[in-house]
């Protein structure tokens, strides 16, 4: 509920990869025609995936022109959360938000793909908030096996999503 009274509508959680598997972590929230993506990972192939170099999330839903992708927020710098970012940005170039270390790990990947100059990287510090359309994203410090990792508290028109 908002301070203006009840809100009608439905928030959608869209797993794009990483659900029930290790790797290719990526998901999105959708409100009306606005999308916010979180992470953009990859997975290295398993033994039975002959001829496959990388496994990437299925971002076809994010590419629909009747939806506005507002940005991608990265939670930390592990490959299963950032490794697919260059491939996603080449298809839909949107602002990317992350902490200093996370963006520092992303930059060489984008440079390798010759996409660093076209990229819009925006640094967030722990405790920062950013408004992306109907979503207000706040970063929260977490303890993880990599420094500068964050959890996200995402205010939506119908409540808060914690990741």
C-alpha atoms as a PDB file:
ATOM      1  CA  UNK A   1       0.000   0.000   0.000  1.00  0.00           C
ATOM      2  CA  UNK A   2       1.267   3.454  -0.779  1.00  0.00           C
ATOM      3  CA  UNK A   3       0.694   6.569   1.299  1.00  0.00           C
ATOM      4  CA  UNK A   4      -1.895   7.600  -1.318  1.00  0.00           C
ATOM      5  CA  UNK A   5      -4.098   4.602  -0.598  1.00  0.00           C
ATOM      6  CA  UNK A   6      -4.469   1.179  -2.171  1.00  0.00           C
ATOM      7  CA  UNK A   7      -2.656   0.505  -5.422  1.00  0.00           C
ATOM      8  CA  UNK A   8      -4.129  -1.787  -8.013  1.00  0.00           C
ATOM      9  CA  UNK A   9      -1.798  -3.782 -10.136  1.00  0.00           C
ATOM     10  CA  UNK A  10       0.505  -6.694  -9.871  1.00  0.00           C
ATOM     11  CA  UNK A  11       4.248  -6.911  -9.451  1.00  0.00           C
ATOM     12  CA  UNK A  12       5.837  -9.714 -11.461  1.00  0.00           C
ATOM     13  CA  UNK A  13       9.005 -11.576 -10.496  1.00  0.00           C
ATOM     14  CA  UNK A  14      10.663 -13.022 -13.589  1.00  0.00           C
ATOM     15  CA  UNK A  15      13.503 -15.527 -13.112  1.00  0.00           C
ATOM     16  CA  UNK A  16      15.640 -15.361 -16.247  1.00  0.00           C
ATOM     17  CA  UNK A  17      18.266 -17.840 -15.066  1.00  0.00           C
ATOM     18  CA  UNK A  18      19.747 -19.286 -11.915  1.00  0.00           C
ATOM     19  CA  UNK A  19      16.496 -20.650 -10.495  1.00  0.00           C
ATOM     20  CA  UNK A  20      17.101 -24.231  -9.398  1.00  0.00           C
ATOM     21  CA  UNK A  21      20.651 -24.219 -10.765  1.00  0.00           C
ATOM     22  CA  UNK A  22      24.059 -22.814  -9.915  1.00  0.00           C
ATOM     23  CA  UNK A  23      25.050 -20.000 -12.242  1.00  0.00           C
ATOM     24  CA  UNK A  24      23.400 -17.673 -14.779  1.00  0.00           C
ATOM     25  CA  UNK A  25      21.852 -15.619 -11.980  1.00  0.00           C
ATOM     26  CA  UNK A  26      19.479 -13.023 -13.370  1.00  0.00           C
ATOM     27  CA  UNK A  27      15.938 -11.967 -12.583  1.00  0.00           C
ATOM     28  CA  UNK A  28      13.665  -9.012 -13.146  1.00  0.00           C
ATOM     29  CA  UNK A  29      10.791  -7.198 -11.511  1.00  0.00           C
ATOM     30  CA  UNK A  30       8.005  -5.856 -13.682  1.00  0.00           C
ATOM     31  CA  UNK A  31       5.429  -3.226 -12.841  1.00  0.00           C
ATOM     32  CA  UNK A  32       3.069  -2.351 -15.686  1.00  0.00           C
ATOM     33  CA  UNK A  33       5.469  -1.961 -18.646  1.00  0.00           C
ATOM     34  CA  UNK A  34       8.589  -1.131 -16.568  1.00  0.00           C
ATOM     35  CA  UNK A  35      11.323  -3.677 -15.870  1.00  0.00           C
ATOM     36  CA  UNK A  36      14.233  -3.708 -13.451  1.00  0.00           C
ATOM     37  CA  UNK A  37      16.836  -6.457 -13.893  1.00  0.00           C
ATOM     38  CA  UNK A  38      19.087  -7.766 -11.143  1.00  0.00           C
ATOM     39  CA  UNK A  39      22.430  -9.369 -12.006  1.00  0.00           C
ATOM     40  CA  UNK A  40      23.481 -10.829 -15.342  1.00  0.00           C
ATOM     41  CA  UNK A  41      25.510 -13.957 -14.726  1.00  0.00           C
ATOM     42  CA  UNK A  42      26.822 -16.829 -16.754  1.00  0.00           C
ATOM     43  CA  UNK A  43      27.532 -20.480 -16.178  1.00  0.00           C
ATOM     44  CA  UNK A  44      30.344 -22.565 -17.545  1.00  0.00           C
ATOM     45  CA  UNK A  45      29.161 -25.678 -19.381  1.00  0.00           C
ATOM     46  CA  UNK A  46      28.879 -29.051 -17.703  1.00  0.00           C
ATOM     47  CA  UNK A  47      30.604 -32.149 -19.056  1.00  0.00           C
ATOM     48  CA  UNK A  48      27.570 -33.201 -21.106  1.00  0.00           C
ATOM     49  CA  UNK A  49      27.331 -29.817 -22.877  1.00  0.00           C
ATOM     50  CA  UNK A  50      29.708 -30.585 -25.711  1.00  0.00           C
ATOM     51  CA  UNK A  51      30.452 -27.648 -28.002  1.00  0.00           C
ATOM     52  CA  UNK A  52      29.016 -25.109 -25.567  1.00  0.00           C
ATOM     53  CA  UNK A  53      31.370 -22.359 -24.363  1.00  0.00           C
ATOM     54  CA  UNK A  54      29.069 -20.395 -22.050  1.00  0.00           C
ATOM     55  CA  UNK A  55      25.525 -20.665 -20.731  1.00  0.00           C
ATOM     56  CA  UNK A  56      23.705 -17.328 -20.536  1.00  0.00           C
ATOM     57  CA  UNK A  57      20.370 -16.261 -19.059  1.00  0.00           C
ATOM     58  CA  UNK A  58      17.379 -16.093 -21.386  1.00  0.00           C
ATOM     59  CA  UNK A  59      16.846 -12.333 -21.724  1.00  0.00           C
ATOM     60  CA  UNK A  60      14.332 -12.511 -24.569  1.00  0.00           C
ATOM     61  CA  UNK A  61      11.608 -11.042 -22.320  1.00  0.00           C
ATOM     62  CA  UNK A  62      13.816  -8.002 -21.611  1.00  0.00           C
ATOM     63  CA  UNK A  63      14.198  -7.384 -25.339  1.00  0.00           C
ATOM     64  CA  UNK A  64      10.485  -6.873 -25.991  1.00  0.00           C
ATOM     65  CA  UNK A  65       9.913  -3.333 -27.234  1.00  0.00           C
ATOM     66  CA  UNK A  66       6.591  -3.037 -25.402  1.00  0.00           C
ATOM     67  CA  UNK A  67       8.541  -3.098 -22.118  1.00  0.00           C
ATOM     68  CA  UNK A  68      11.002  -0.508 -20.832  1.00  0.00           C
ATOM     69  CA  UNK A  69      14.110  -1.952 -19.220  1.00  0.00           C
ATOM     70  CA  UNK A  70      15.140   0.744 -16.741  1.00  0.00           C
ATOM     71  CA  UNK A  71      18.488  -0.703 -15.746  1.00  0.00           C
ATOM     72  CA  UNK A  72      20.457  -3.620 -14.372  1.00  0.00           C
ATOM     73  CA  UNK A  73      21.551  -3.645 -10.731  1.00  0.00           C
ATOM     74  CA  UNK A  74      24.487  -5.889  -9.833  1.00  0.00           C
ATOM     75  CA  UNK A  75      24.796  -7.386  -6.362  1.00  0.00           C
ATOM     76  CA  UNK A  76      28.444  -8.499  -6.461  1.00  0.00           C
ATOM     77  CA  UNK A  77      31.317  -9.385  -8.752  1.00  0.00           C
ATOM     78  CA  UNK A  78      31.150 -13.179  -9.059  1.00  0.00           C
ATOM     79  CA  UNK A  79      30.992 -14.562 -12.607  1.00  0.00           C
ATOM     80  CA  UNK A  80      27.618 -16.176 -12.008  1.00  0.00           C
ATOM     81  CA  UNK A  81      26.257 -12.658 -11.354  1.00  0.00           C
ATOM     82  CA  UNK A  82      28.205 -10.436 -13.822  1.00  0.00           C
ATOM     83  CA  UNK A  83      29.695 -12.705 -16.488  1.00  0.00           C
ATOM     84  CA  UNK A  84      26.778 -12.400 -18.897  1.00  0.00           C
ATOM     85  CA  UNK A  85      26.536  -8.627 -18.694  1.00  0.00           C
ATOM     86  CA  UNK A  86      28.424  -7.814 -21.929  1.00  0.00           C
ATOM     87  CA  UNK A  87      26.125 -10.133 -23.891  1.00  0.00           C
ATOM     88  CA  UNK A  88      22.995  -8.563 -22.362  1.00  0.00           C
ATOM     89  CA  UNK A  89      24.163  -4.979 -22.899  1.00  0.00           C
ATOM     90  CA  UNK A  90      24.953  -5.617 -26.552  1.00  0.00           C
ATOM     91  CA  UNK A  91      21.289  -6.503 -27.024  1.00  0.00           C
ATOM     92  CA  UNK A  92      19.791  -3.853 -24.723  1.00  0.00           C
ATOM     93  CA  UNK A  93      22.130  -1.093 -23.578  1.00  0.00           C
ATOM     94  CA  UNK A  94      20.788   0.298 -20.301  1.00  0.00           C
ATOM     95  CA  UNK A  95      22.378   1.858 -17.218  1.00  0.00           C
ATOM     96  CA  UNK A  96      24.198  -0.610 -14.968  1.00  0.00           C
ATOM     97  CA  UNK A  97      24.412   0.005 -11.225  1.00  0.00           C
ATOM     98  CA  UNK A  98      26.931  -1.600  -8.895  1.00  0.00           C
ATOM     99  CA  UNK A  99      29.469  -1.000  -6.188  1.00  0.00           C
ATOM    100  CA  UNK A 100      32.993   0.187  -7.009  1.00  0.00           C
ATOM    101  CA  UNK A 101      34.592  -3.271  -6.920  1.00  0.00           C
ATOM    102  CA  UNK A 102      31.752  -4.885  -8.853  1.00  0.00           C
ATOM    103  CA  UNK A 103      31.969  -2.265 -11.609  1.00  0.00           C
ATOM    104  CA  UNK A 104      35.765  -2.573 -11.517  1.00  0.00           C
ATOM    105  CA  UNK A 105      35.393  -6.283 -12.307  1.00  0.00           C
ATOM    106  CA  UNK A 106      32.844  -5.536 -15.037  1.00  0.00           C
ATOM    107  CA  UNK A 107      34.983  -2.979 -16.908  1.00  0.00           C
ATOM    108  CA  UNK A 108      37.611  -5.420 -18.273  1.00  0.00           C
ATOM    109  CA  UNK A 109      34.818  -7.689 -19.526  1.00  0.00           C
ATOM    110  CA  UNK A 110      33.173  -4.811 -21.353  1.00  0.00           C
ATOM    111  CA  UNK A 111      36.539  -3.686 -22.723  1.00  0.00           C
ATOM    112  CA  UNK A 112      37.251  -7.214 -23.986  1.00  0.00           C
ATOM    113  CA  UNK A 113      33.899  -7.149 -25.786  1.00  0.00           C
ATOM    114  CA  UNK A 114      34.662  -3.667 -27.127  1.00  0.00           C
ATOM    115  CA  UNK A 115      31.620  -2.280 -25.361  1.00  0.00           C
ATOM    116  CA  UNK A 116      33.055  -0.252 -22.476  1.00  0.00           C
ATOM    117  CA  UNK A 117      32.677   3.165 -24.130  1.00  0.00           C
ATOM    118  CA  UNK A 118      29.014   2.572 -24.960  1.00  0.00           C
ATOM    119  CA  UNK A 119      28.237   1.355 -21.437  1.00  0.00           C
ATOM    120  CA  UNK A 120      26.601   3.544 -18.802  1.00  0.00           C
ATOM    121  CA  UNK A 121      28.093   2.346 -15.503  1.00  0.00           C
ATOM    122  CA  UNK A 122      26.827   4.044 -12.340  1.00  0.00           C
ATOM    123  CA  UNK A 123      28.497   3.496  -9.006  1.00  0.00           C
ATOM    124  CA  UNK A 124      26.473   2.894  -5.866  1.00  0.00           C
ATOM    125  CA  UNK A 125      27.842   2.837  -2.348  1.00  0.00           C
ATOM    126  CA  UNK A 126      26.430   0.763   0.461  1.00  0.00           C
ATOM    127  CA  UNK A 127      23.357   2.568   1.766  1.00  0.00           C
ATOM    128  CA  UNK A 128      22.728   4.472  -1.462  1.00  0.00           C
ATOM    129  CA  UNK A 129      19.280   4.529  -3.039  1.00  0.00           C
ATOM    130  CA  UNK A 130      18.383   5.037  -6.661  1.00  0.00           C
ATOM    131  CA  UNK A 131      14.925   5.584  -8.136  1.00  0.00           C
ATOM    132  CA  UNK A 132      14.341   3.665 -11.357  1.00  0.00           C
ATOM    133  CA  UNK A 133      10.807   4.325 -12.530  1.00  0.00           C
ATOM    134  CA  UNK A 134       8.444   2.737  -9.993  1.00  0.00           C
ATOM    135  CA  UNK A 135      11.335   0.991  -8.205  1.00  0.00           C
ATOM    136  CA  UNK A 136      13.449   2.519  -5.455  1.00  0.00           C
ATOM    137  CA  UNK A 137      16.536   0.358  -4.973  1.00  0.00           C
ATOM    138  CA  UNK A 138      18.594   0.588  -1.773  1.00  0.00           C
ATOM    139  CA  UNK A 139      21.903  -1.229  -1.296  1.00  0.00           C
ATOM    140  CA  UNK A 140      22.566  -3.048   1.987  1.00  0.00           C
ATOM    141  CA  UNK A 141      25.972  -4.382   3.083  1.00  0.00           C
ATOM    142  CA  UNK A 142      26.213  -8.165   3.307  1.00  0.00           C
ATOM    143  CA  UNK A 143      28.981 -10.550   4.243  1.00  0.00           C
ATOM    144  CA  UNK A 144      29.982 -12.676   1.251  1.00  0.00           C
ATOM    145  CA  UNK A 145      33.072 -14.373  -0.130  1.00  0.00           C
ATOM    146  CA  UNK A 146      33.802 -11.272  -2.224  1.00  0.00           C
ATOM    147  CA  UNK A 147      34.111  -7.713  -0.892  1.00  0.00           C
ATOM    148  CA  UNK A 148      31.652  -4.952  -1.783  1.00  0.00           C
ATOM    149  CA  UNK A 149      28.672  -7.323  -2.092  1.00  0.00           C
ATOM    150  CA  UNK A 150      25.213  -5.925  -1.427  1.00  0.00           C
ATOM    151  CA  UNK A 151      21.707  -7.075  -0.791  1.00  0.00           C
ATOM    152  CA  UNK A 152      18.911  -5.029  -2.299  1.00  0.00           C
ATOM    153  CA  UNK A 153      15.783  -3.579  -0.729  1.00  0.00           C
ATOM    154  CA  UNK A 154      13.513  -2.644  -3.621  1.00  0.00           C
ATOM    155  CA  UNK A 155      10.458  -0.523  -2.896  1.00  0.00           C
ATOM    156  CA  UNK A 156       7.688  -1.212  -5.393  1.00  0.00           C
ATOM    157  CA  UNK A 157       4.175   0.244  -5.656  1.00  0.00           C
ATOM    158  CA  UNK A 158       2.840  -2.799  -3.768  1.00  0.00           C
ATOM    159  CA  UNK A 159       5.534  -3.415  -1.168  1.00  0.00           C
ATOM    160  CA  UNK A 160       9.200  -4.106  -0.589  1.00  0.00           C
ATOM    161  CA  UNK A 161      11.246  -6.874  -2.224  1.00  0.00           C
ATOM    162  CA  UNK A 162      14.403  -7.958  -0.390  1.00  0.00           C
ATOM    163  CA  UNK A 163      17.134  -9.775  -2.294  1.00  0.00           C
END
